[in-house]
Amino acid sequence: MADEIRAEMVANVWKVVASAGDTVAEGDTLVILESMKMEIPVLAESEGTVAELAVHEGDVVQEGDLIAVIAA
């Protein structure tokens, strides 16, 4: 089963911390978004392997856009 991580707001992708193939635990930071001068970490909601990372540094994400997929 895969867990899709989606953007909760419009923001810029400031920093990509994880890479496809990385093993992550629940609560690990995947990406850091920037909106209105605030840094917002996007956290893994479950443990597993990052199957897909759909964003790159400098991208702009809209609410609901796919950020990453974590496979159990």
N, C-alpha and C. Protein backbone atom coordinates (compact mmCIF):
# COMPACT_ATOMS: atom_id res chain seq x y z
N MET A 1 0.84 -1.18 0.00
CA MET A 1 0.00 0.00 0.00
C MET A 1 0.89 1.25 0.00
N ALA A 2 0.53 2.22 -0.80
CA ALA A 2 1.33 3.45 -0.91
C ALA A 2 0.60 4.61 -0.24
N ASP A 3 1.37 5.51 0.34
CA ASP A 3 0.83 6.69 1.00
C ASP A 3 1.23 7.91 0.17
N GLU A 4 0.24 8.65 -0.34
CA GLU A 4 0.52 9.85 -1.12
C GLU A 4 0.59 11.06 -0.21
N ILE A 5 1.66 11.82 -0.32
CA ILE A 5 1.83 13.06 0.44
C ILE A 5 1.51 14.21 -0.51
N ARG A 6 0.54 15.04 -0.14
CA ARG A 6 0.10 16.13 -1.01
C ARG A 6 0.28 17.48 -0.31
N ALA A 7 0.43 18.53 -1.11
CA ALA A 7 0.60 19.88 -0.58
C ALA A 7 -0.70 20.34 0.08
N GLU A 8 -0.57 21.00 1.21
CA GLU A 8 -1.73 21.51 1.93
C GLU A 8 -2.00 22.98 1.61
N MET A 9 -1.08 23.60 0.86
CA MET A 9 -1.23 25.02 0.53
C MET A 9 -0.38 25.34 -0.69
N VAL A 10 -0.59 26.51 -1.25
CA VAL A 10 0.26 27.01 -2.33
C VAL A 10 1.58 27.44 -1.69
N ALA A 11 2.69 26.94 -2.24
CA ALA A 11 4.00 27.26 -1.66
C ALA A 11 5.10 26.98 -2.67
N ASN A 12 6.29 27.49 -2.36
CA ASN A 12 7.48 27.19 -3.15
C ASN A 12 8.21 26.03 -2.49
N VAL A 13 8.79 25.15 -3.29
CA VAL A 13 9.63 24.08 -2.75
C VAL A 13 10.99 24.69 -2.49
N TRP A 14 11.30 24.89 -1.22
CA TRP A 14 12.54 25.55 -0.82
C TRP A 14 13.70 24.56 -0.80
N LYS A 15 13.46 23.37 -0.22
CA LYS A 15 14.53 22.37 -0.11
C LYS A 15 13.94 20.97 -0.17
N VAL A 16 14.57 20.11 -0.94
CA VAL A 16 14.20 18.70 -1.00
C VAL A 16 15.19 17.95 -0.11
N VAL A 17 14.66 17.27 0.91
CA VAL A 17 15.51 16.59 1.88
C VAL A 17 15.68 15.12 1.55
N ALA A 18 14.60 14.47 1.13
CA ALA A 18 14.62 13.03 0.83
C ALA A 18 14.79 12.80 -0.67
N SER A 19 15.16 11.58 -1.02
CA SER A 19 15.30 11.18 -2.42
C SER A 19 14.54 9.88 -2.64
N ALA A 20 14.18 9.63 -3.89
CA ALA A 20 13.53 8.36 -4.22
C ALA A 20 14.46 7.22 -3.81
N GLY A 21 13.89 6.22 -3.16
CA GLY A 21 14.68 5.08 -2.69
C GLY A 21 15.07 5.18 -1.23
N ASP A 22 14.96 6.36 -0.63
CA ASP A 22 15.30 6.54 0.79
C ASP A 22 14.28 5.82 1.67
N THR A 23 14.75 5.26 2.77
CA THR A 23 13.87 4.69 3.78
C THR A 23 13.57 5.79 4.80
N VAL A 24 12.28 5.98 5.10
CA VAL A 24 11.88 7.04 6.03
C VAL A 24 11.02 6.47 7.14
N ALA A 25 11.03 7.15 8.27
CA ALA A 25 10.18 6.80 9.40
C ALA A 25 9.06 7.84 9.49
N GLU A 26 8.00 7.50 10.16
CA GLU A 26 6.91 8.45 10.36
C GLU A 26 7.47 9.70 11.04
N GLY A 27 7.17 10.87 10.47
CA GLY A 27 7.63 12.13 11.04
C GLY A 27 8.91 12.66 10.44
N ASP A 28 9.59 11.88 9.58
CA ASP A 28 10.80 12.37 8.91
C ASP A 28 10.43 13.48 7.92
N THR A 29 11.29 14.46 7.77
CA THR A 29 11.06 15.55 6.82
C THR A 29 11.42 15.08 5.42
N LEU A 30 10.49 15.28 4.48
CA LEU A 30 10.72 14.93 3.08
C LEU A 30 11.14 16.16 2.27
N VAL A 31 10.42 17.25 2.48
CA VAL A 31 10.59 18.47 1.70
C VAL A 31 10.31 19.64 2.64
N ILE A 32 10.94 20.79 2.38
CA ILE A 32 10.61 22.01 3.12
C ILE A 32 10.02 23.00 2.13
N LEU A 33 8.80 23.43 2.41
CA LEU A 33 8.12 24.42 1.59
C LEU A 33 8.32 25.80 2.19
N GLU A 34 8.19 26.82 1.35
CA GLU A 34 8.28 28.20 1.82
C GLU A 34 7.05 28.95 1.34
N SER A 35 6.38 29.59 2.28
CA SER A 35 5.21 30.39 1.95
C SER A 35 5.16 31.58 2.90
N MET A 36 5.07 32.77 2.35
CA MET A 36 4.99 34.00 3.13
C MET A 36 6.14 34.09 4.15
N LYS A 37 7.35 33.76 3.69
CA LYS A 37 8.58 33.84 4.49
C LYS A 37 8.63 32.81 5.63
N MET A 38 7.71 31.84 5.62
CA MET A 38 7.71 30.78 6.63
C MET A 38 8.16 29.48 6.00
N GLU A 39 8.96 28.70 6.73
CA GLU A 39 9.38 27.39 6.27
C GLU A 39 8.43 26.35 6.85
N ILE A 40 7.87 25.52 5.97
CA ILE A 40 6.90 24.51 6.39
C ILE A 40 7.42 23.13 6.02
N PRO A 41 7.80 22.31 7.01
CA PRO A 41 8.28 20.96 6.67
C PRO A 41 7.11 20.07 6.27
N VAL A 42 7.35 19.25 5.24
CA VAL A 42 6.38 18.24 4.82
C VAL A 42 6.92 16.92 5.36
N LEU A 43 6.14 16.28 6.22
CA LEU A 43 6.60 15.09 6.95
C LEU A 43 6.02 13.81 6.38
N ALA A 44 6.78 12.73 6.51
CA ALA A 44 6.28 11.41 6.15
C ALA A 44 5.17 11.03 7.13
N GLU A 45 4.08 10.56 6.60
CA GLU A 45 2.94 10.19 7.45
C GLU A 45 2.99 8.72 7.86
N SER A 46 3.92 7.97 7.29
CA SER A 46 4.08 6.56 7.64
C SER A 46 5.53 6.17 7.34
N GLU A 47 5.96 5.02 7.86
CA GLU A 47 7.30 4.57 7.54
C GLU A 47 7.27 3.76 6.26
N GLY A 48 8.38 3.77 5.56
CA GLY A 48 8.47 3.02 4.31
C GLY A 48 9.60 3.55 3.45
N THR A 49 9.47 3.33 2.15
CA THR A 49 10.47 3.77 1.19
C THR A 49 9.86 4.83 0.28
N VAL A 50 10.61 5.88 0.02
CA VAL A 50 10.14 6.92 -0.89
C VAL A 50 10.13 6.32 -2.30
N ALA A 51 8.94 6.03 -2.81
CA ALA A 51 8.80 5.42 -4.14
C ALA A 51 8.89 6.47 -5.23
N GLU A 52 8.41 7.67 -4.95
CA GLU A 52 8.42 8.75 -5.94
C GLU A 52 8.53 10.08 -5.22
N LEU A 53 9.33 10.96 -5.77
CA LEU A 53 9.42 12.33 -5.29
C LEU A 53 9.03 13.20 -6.48
N ALA A 54 7.89 13.86 -6.39
CA ALA A 54 7.29 14.54 -7.54
C ALA A 54 7.65 16.01 -7.66
N VAL A 55 8.51 16.52 -6.77
CA VAL A 55 8.86 17.95 -6.81
C VAL A 55 10.37 18.13 -6.81
N HIS A 56 10.79 19.31 -7.24
CA HIS A 56 12.20 19.70 -7.25
C HIS A 56 12.32 21.07 -6.59
N GLU A 57 13.51 21.37 -6.09
CA GLU A 57 13.72 22.68 -5.49
C GLU A 57 13.40 23.77 -6.51
N GLY A 58 12.66 24.79 -6.06
CA GLY A 58 12.27 25.89 -6.93
C GLY A 58 10.88 25.73 -7.54
N ASP A 59 10.30 24.51 -7.47
CA ASP A 59 8.95 24.30 -7.98
C ASP A 59 7.94 25.07 -7.14
N VAL A 60 6.81 25.38 -7.74
CA VAL A 60 5.67 25.95 -7.02
C VAL A 60 4.59 24.88 -6.99
N VAL A 61 4.10 24.57 -5.79
CA VAL A 61 3.04 23.57 -5.66
C VAL A 61 1.72 24.27 -5.30
N GLN A 62 0.66 23.71 -5.81
CA GLN A 62 -0.68 24.19 -5.50
C GLN A 62 -1.28 23.24 -4.46
N GLU A 63 -2.29 23.70 -3.77
CA GLU A 63 -2.97 22.86 -2.78
C GLU A 63 -3.45 21.58 -3.47
N GLY A 64 -3.08 20.43 -2.90
CA GLY A 64 -3.50 19.14 -3.44
C GLY A 64 -2.50 18.50 -4.39
N ASP A 65 -1.45 19.23 -4.79
CA ASP A 65 -0.44 18.66 -5.68
C ASP A 65 0.33 17.54 -4.98
N LEU A 66 0.68 16.52 -5.75
CA LEU A 66 1.46 15.41 -5.23
C LEU A 66 2.89 15.85 -4.94
N ILE A 67 3.37 15.53 -3.74
CA ILE A 67 4.74 15.83 -3.37
C ILE A 67 5.57 14.54 -3.38
N ALA A 68 5.05 13.50 -2.76
CA ALA A 68 5.82 12.24 -2.69
C ALA A 68 4.87 11.06 -2.50
N VAL A 69 5.38 9.88 -2.82
CA VAL A 69 4.67 8.64 -2.57
C VAL A 69 5.58 7.76 -1.72
N ILE A 70 5.04 7.25 -0.62
CA ILE A 70 5.79 6.36 0.27
C ILE A 70 5.17 4.98 0.21
N ALA A 71 5.98 4.00 -0.17
CA ALA A 71 5.53 2.61 -0.23
C ALA A 71 5.85 1.92 1.08
N ALA A 72 4.91 1.16 1.57
CA ALA A 72 5.08 0.47 2.86
C ALA A 72 6.06 -0.67 2.76
